[in-house]
Each structure stands twice: as structure tokens, then as C-alpha cells.
Amino acid sequence: MAKPPVHEDTLKSDKIQIERKTFVFALKENPRGRFLRITEDAGGRRDKIIIPAPGLEEFKRLVDEMVKAADQTRPKD
């Protein structure tokens, strides 16, 4: 039995194109709270992840660490 849809308000959204992928970031709110939905569109196939707002600082910290690690492991010219 399908659940009825939950009303969501979009508070802010933006998108970026990286190579052949489009990423849409949407900060949303519903009766359960605020969350960030990240949608990846690659050739018509869409995948989504949702991060509850209370976890965004920790999520950002981990992404920052991954960016730093990627820069450190990049071959030097």
C-alpha cells in the first residue's frame, strides 16, 4: 500500500554540471524537518540522496576532507 505524498517546501536550490553529470542541490522542509536532497542526473538516470539538516555540518566536514585528500593525491605538473 503506497504512502500518501508528504508536502515539501523548497527553501533553496541550485545545480552544477560536472562532466556529463548534473547535480541538483535542494534544501527542503517538510513536517518532519529540514533536509538536503542531492539529485544526480547522468544520461537520464536519476539517483538521490537525502541528508537531514542536523547532519549537514558533519557531511560538509567529510566532503572537505575528501577534497583535501584528492588535491594531495593529484599528480604534480
Protein backbone atom coordinates (compact mmCIF):
# COMPACT_ATOMS: atom_id res chain seq x y z
CA MET A 1 0.00 0.00 0.00
CA ALA A 2 1.52 3.33 -1.12
CA LYS A 3 2.04 6.11 1.39
CA PRO A 4 0.43 9.47 0.61
CA PRO A 5 2.96 12.07 -0.60
CA VAL A 6 4.44 14.33 2.07
CA HIS A 7 4.23 18.07 1.36
CA GLU A 8 7.70 19.61 0.90
CA ASP A 9 8.69 23.25 0.61
CA THR A 10 11.86 24.14 -1.31
CA LEU A 11 13.86 26.71 0.66
CA LYS A 12 16.82 26.98 -1.74
CA SER A 13 18.06 25.11 -4.78
CA ASP A 14 20.96 25.23 -7.21
CA LYS A 15 22.58 22.99 -9.78
CA ILE A 16 26.02 22.29 -11.17
CA GLN A 17 27.24 20.45 -14.25
CA ILE A 18 30.36 18.30 -13.85
CA GLU A 19 31.43 16.48 -16.99
CA ARG A 20 28.31 14.58 -18.18
CA LYS A 21 26.52 14.74 -14.84
CA THR A 22 24.15 17.33 -13.44
CA PHE A 23 23.81 17.66 -9.68
CA VAL A 24 20.80 19.44 -8.18
CA PHE A 25 21.04 20.54 -4.55
CA ALA A 26 17.68 21.34 -2.94
CA LEU A 27 17.27 22.44 0.67
CA LYS A 28 13.77 21.37 1.59
CA GLU A 29 11.44 21.28 4.56
CA ASN A 30 8.54 19.02 5.42
CA PRO A 31 6.61 18.30 8.65
CA ARG A 32 9.50 16.09 9.83
CA GLY A 33 12.15 18.82 9.42
CA ARG A 34 14.70 20.27 7.00
CA PHE A 35 16.95 18.25 4.74
CA LEU A 36 19.23 18.49 1.73
CA ARG A 37 18.29 16.41 -1.30
CA ILE A 38 21.09 15.87 -3.82
CA THR A 39 19.96 14.53 -7.18
CA GLU A 40 22.44 13.21 -9.73
CA ASP A 41 21.24 13.08 -13.34
CA ALA A 42 23.52 11.12 -15.63
CA GLY A 43 22.12 10.48 -19.09
CA GLY A 44 18.51 10.47 -17.90
CA ARG A 45 19.16 8.17 -14.94
CA ARG A 46 18.50 9.87 -11.61
CA ASP A 47 19.80 8.94 -8.19
CA LYS A 48 19.05 10.83 -4.99
CA ILE A 49 20.45 11.05 -1.51
CA ILE A 50 18.90 12.90 1.41
CA ILE A 51 20.86 14.35 4.31
CA PRO A 52 18.87 15.51 7.34
CA ALA A 53 19.77 19.11 8.27
CA PRO A 54 21.26 18.14 11.67
CA GLY A 55 23.90 16.10 9.80
CA LEU A 56 24.91 18.74 7.24
CA GLU A 57 27.92 20.07 9.21
CA GLU A 58 29.36 16.56 9.56
CA PHE A 59 28.60 15.83 5.89
CA LYS A 60 30.39 19.05 4.86
CA ARG A 61 33.37 18.18 7.07
CA LEU A 62 33.74 14.79 5.35
CA VAL A 63 33.38 16.30 1.87
CA ASP A 64 36.03 18.91 2.75
CA GLU A 65 38.36 16.11 3.89
CA MET A 66 37.78 14.20 0.62
CA VAL A 67 38.50 17.33 -1.46
CA LYS A 68 41.71 17.91 0.52
CA ALA A 69 42.76 14.25 0.06
CA ALA A 70 42.00 14.41 -3.68
CA ASP A 71 44.18 17.53 -4.02
CA GLN A 72 47.04 15.86 -2.12
CA THR A 73 46.97 12.73 -4.26
CA ARG A 74 46.75 14.61 -7.59
CA PRO A 75 49.91 14.26 -9.70
CA LYS A 76 52.02 17.44 -9.71
CA ASP A 77 52.88 19.10 -13.04
